Structures are given as structure tokens and as C-alpha cells.
Amino acid sequence: MLIMNKIALFFVIVYSGIILMNTYLGETERVQSNVVIFMLNGFAYIVSAMEIEREKQHLIENQSTA
């Protein structure tokens, strides 16, 4: 899951750069589609980060009870 989290973060950063470049180039249709992809990738990154934190908490609880 950690690898997927890093991949999602990479795509969020890449799409942020693409959105900024297309905004300055004036391509509004591409910007709109890139914003949707950026939002989906950001959501995937947040969900995977929450899952990693949940797994960490679960491991900590298991270690303290053992």
C-alpha cells in the first residue's frame, strides 16, 4: 500500500504541473479534464494515506496487547 501511495502522490504532482502549464497556454478544455483527473488522483491519495494510518494504528494496538 505504501508503494501505491507514493505512485498516487507522484501523479497528483505531475497533474498539478500539467494543469498549471495548460492554464498558462490557454487551453481551457484540457484544463477542465485535467482538473477532474487531478481531483480523482487526490482523492485516491487521501484514501490510501488514511488506509496506511489505519494499518499503523492496528499494528500499534496489536503490539501493545501482545
N, C-alpha and C. Protein backbone atom coordinates (compact mmCIF):
# COMPACT_ATOMS: atom_id res chain seq x y z
N MET A 1 0.83 -1.20 0.00
CA MET A 1 0.00 0.00 0.00
C MET A 1 0.87 1.26 0.00
N LEU A 2 2.04 1.17 0.62
CA LEU A 2 2.92 2.32 0.67
C LEU A 2 3.40 2.71 -0.73
N ILE A 3 3.67 1.71 -1.57
CA ILE A 3 4.11 1.99 -2.94
C ILE A 3 2.99 2.66 -3.73
N MET A 4 1.76 2.18 -3.56
CA MET A 4 0.62 2.79 -4.25
C MET A 4 0.42 4.23 -3.80
N ASN A 5 0.66 4.49 -2.53
CA ASN A 5 0.53 5.84 -2.00
C ASN A 5 1.55 6.78 -2.65
N LYS A 6 2.77 6.31 -2.82
CA LYS A 6 3.80 7.12 -3.46
C LYS A 6 3.49 7.34 -4.94
N ILE A 7 2.96 6.32 -5.61
CA ILE A 7 2.57 6.47 -7.02
C ILE A 7 1.45 7.49 -7.16
N ALA A 8 0.47 7.42 -6.27
CA ALA A 8 -0.64 8.39 -6.31
C ALA A 8 -0.13 9.80 -6.08
N LEU A 9 0.79 9.97 -5.13
CA LEU A 9 1.35 11.30 -4.87
C LEU A 9 2.11 11.80 -6.09
N PHE A 10 2.85 10.93 -6.76
CA PHE A 10 3.57 11.31 -7.96
C PHE A 10 2.61 11.83 -9.03
N PHE A 11 1.50 11.11 -9.26
CA PHE A 11 0.55 11.54 -10.27
C PHE A 11 -0.15 12.84 -9.88
N VAL A 12 -0.41 13.04 -8.61
CA VAL A 12 -1.00 14.30 -8.17
C VAL A 12 -0.06 15.45 -8.50
N ILE A 13 1.22 15.27 -8.24
CA ILE A 13 2.20 16.33 -8.52
C ILE A 13 2.33 16.56 -10.03
N VAL A 14 2.38 15.48 -10.81
CA VAL A 14 2.51 15.61 -12.27
C VAL A 14 1.29 16.34 -12.85
N TYR A 15 0.09 15.94 -12.43
CA TYR A 15 -1.10 16.59 -12.97
C TYR A 15 -1.21 18.04 -12.51
N SER A 16 -0.70 18.35 -11.33
CA SER A 16 -0.68 19.76 -10.91
C SER A 16 0.15 20.58 -11.88
N GLY A 17 1.31 20.05 -12.24
CA GLY A 17 2.16 20.76 -13.20
C GLY A 17 1.51 20.88 -14.56
N ILE A 18 0.85 19.82 -15.02
CA ILE A 18 0.17 19.86 -16.32
C ILE A 18 -0.95 20.90 -16.31
N ILE A 19 -1.71 20.94 -15.23
CA ILE A 19 -2.80 21.91 -15.13
C ILE A 19 -2.24 23.33 -15.18
N LEU A 20 -1.15 23.58 -14.44
CA LEU A 20 -0.56 24.92 -14.46
C LEU A 20 -0.05 25.29 -15.85
N MET A 21 0.60 24.35 -16.53
CA MET A 21 1.11 24.63 -17.88
C MET A 21 -0.04 24.91 -18.84
N ASN A 22 -1.08 24.10 -18.80
CA ASN A 22 -2.21 24.30 -19.72
C ASN A 22 -2.96 25.58 -19.40
N THR A 23 -2.99 25.97 -18.15
CA THR A 23 -3.64 27.23 -17.80
C THR A 23 -2.91 28.39 -18.44
N TYR A 24 -1.60 28.37 -18.37
CA TYR A 24 -0.83 29.46 -18.97
C TYR A 24 -0.84 29.41 -20.48
N LEU A 25 -1.03 28.22 -21.06
CA LEU A 25 -1.13 28.11 -22.51
C LEU A 25 -2.51 28.49 -23.02
N GLY A 26 -3.49 28.54 -22.14
CA GLY A 26 -4.83 28.97 -22.52
C GLY A 26 -5.72 27.87 -23.06
N GLU A 27 -5.41 26.64 -22.79
CA GLU A 27 -6.24 25.53 -23.27
C GLU A 27 -7.25 25.16 -22.18
N THR A 28 -8.42 25.79 -22.24
CA THR A 28 -9.39 25.63 -21.14
C THR A 28 -10.04 24.26 -21.13
N GLU A 29 -10.27 23.65 -22.30
CA GLU A 29 -10.92 22.33 -22.33
C GLU A 29 -10.02 21.28 -21.69
N ARG A 30 -8.74 21.34 -21.99
CA ARG A 30 -7.81 20.40 -21.38
C ARG A 30 -7.71 20.64 -19.88
N VAL A 31 -7.73 21.90 -19.48
CA VAL A 31 -7.63 22.22 -18.06
C VAL A 31 -8.79 21.60 -17.31
N GLN A 32 -9.99 21.67 -17.88
CA GLN A 32 -11.16 21.11 -17.20
C GLN A 32 -11.03 19.60 -17.03
N SER A 33 -10.57 18.90 -18.07
CA SER A 33 -10.42 17.45 -17.96
C SER A 33 -9.28 17.11 -17.00
N ASN A 34 -8.22 17.90 -17.01
CA ASN A 34 -7.10 17.64 -16.10
C ASN A 34 -7.50 17.89 -14.65
N VAL A 35 -8.36 18.86 -14.42
CA VAL A 35 -8.82 19.13 -13.05
C VAL A 35 -9.59 17.92 -12.52
N VAL A 36 -10.41 17.32 -13.36
CA VAL A 36 -11.17 16.14 -12.93
C VAL A 36 -10.21 15.00 -12.58
N ILE A 37 -9.22 14.76 -13.43
CA ILE A 37 -8.24 13.71 -13.17
C ILE A 37 -7.44 14.03 -11.91
N PHE A 38 -7.06 15.29 -11.75
CA PHE A 38 -6.33 15.71 -10.56
C PHE A 38 -7.14 15.47 -9.29
N MET A 39 -8.43 15.79 -9.33
CA MET A 39 -9.28 15.58 -8.16
C MET A 39 -9.40 14.08 -7.84
N LEU A 40 -9.56 13.25 -8.86
CA LEU A 40 -9.65 11.81 -8.63
C LEU A 40 -8.36 11.26 -8.05
N ASN A 41 -7.22 11.71 -8.57
CA ASN A 41 -5.94 11.25 -8.03
C ASN A 41 -5.72 11.74 -6.61
N GLY A 42 -6.12 12.96 -6.35
CA GLY A 42 -6.00 13.49 -5.00
C GLY A 42 -6.86 12.71 -4.02
N PHE A 43 -8.05 12.37 -4.45
CA PHE A 43 -8.94 11.57 -3.60
C PHE A 43 -8.33 10.19 -3.35
N ALA A 44 -7.77 9.58 -4.39
CA ALA A 44 -7.14 8.27 -4.22
C ALA A 44 -5.95 8.35 -3.27
N TYR A 45 -5.18 9.44 -3.35
CA TYR A 45 -4.04 9.62 -2.46
C TYR A 45 -4.50 9.76 -1.01
N ILE A 46 -5.54 10.54 -0.79
CA ILE A 46 -6.05 10.74 0.57
C ILE A 46 -6.57 9.44 1.15
N VAL A 47 -7.32 8.69 0.35
CA VAL A 47 -7.87 7.42 0.82
C VAL A 47 -6.75 6.43 1.15
N SER A 48 -5.73 6.35 0.30
CA SER A 48 -4.64 5.42 0.57
C SER A 48 -3.83 5.86 1.79
N ALA A 49 -3.66 7.16 1.99
CA ALA A 49 -2.96 7.65 3.18
C ALA A 49 -3.75 7.31 4.44
N MET A 50 -5.07 7.45 4.39
CA MET A 50 -5.91 7.08 5.54
C MET A 50 -5.80 5.59 5.82
N GLU A 51 -5.75 4.78 4.78
CA GLU A 51 -5.63 3.33 4.97
C GLU A 51 -4.29 2.97 5.61
N ILE A 52 -3.23 3.64 5.20
CA ILE A 52 -1.92 3.38 5.79
C ILE A 52 -1.92 3.76 7.27
N GLU A 53 -2.52 4.89 7.62
CA GLU A 53 -2.60 5.29 9.02
C GLU A 53 -3.43 4.30 9.83
N ARG A 54 -4.49 3.79 9.25
CA ARG A 54 -5.33 2.81 9.94
C ARG A 54 -4.54 1.52 10.20
N GLU A 55 -3.74 1.11 9.20
CA GLU A 55 -2.92 -0.09 9.38
C GLU A 55 -1.86 0.12 10.46
N LYS A 56 -1.27 1.32 10.51
CA LYS A 56 -0.28 1.63 11.55
C LYS A 56 -0.91 1.55 12.93
N GLN A 57 -2.10 2.14 13.08
CA GLN A 57 -2.78 2.11 14.37
C GLN A 57 -3.12 0.68 14.77
N HIS A 58 -3.53 -0.12 13.81
CA HIS A 58 -3.87 -1.51 14.08
C HIS A 58 -2.63 -2.28 14.56
N LEU A 59 -1.49 -2.04 13.91
CA LEU A 59 -0.25 -2.70 14.32
C LEU A 59 0.18 -2.26 15.71
N ILE A 60 0.03 -0.97 16.02
CA ILE A 60 0.40 -0.46 17.35
C ILE A 60 -0.49 -1.09 18.41
N GLU A 61 -1.79 -1.20 18.14
CA GLU A 61 -2.70 -1.82 19.10
C GLU A 61 -2.36 -3.29 19.32
N ASN A 62 -2.02 -3.99 18.26
CA ASN A 62 -1.66 -5.41 18.38
C ASN A 62 -0.37 -5.60 19.17
N GLN A 63 0.60 -4.71 19.01
CA GLN A 63 1.85 -4.81 19.74
C GLN A 63 1.65 -4.52 21.22
N SER A 64 0.79 -3.58 21.54
CA SER A 64 0.58 -3.22 22.95
C SER A 64 -0.19 -4.30 23.70
N THR A 65 -1.03 -5.07 23.01
CA THR A 65 -1.79 -6.13 23.68
C THR A 65 -1.00 -7.42 23.76
N ALA A 66 0.02 -7.58 22.93
CA ALA A 66 0.79 -8.84 22.92
C ALA A 66 1.82 -8.90 24.03
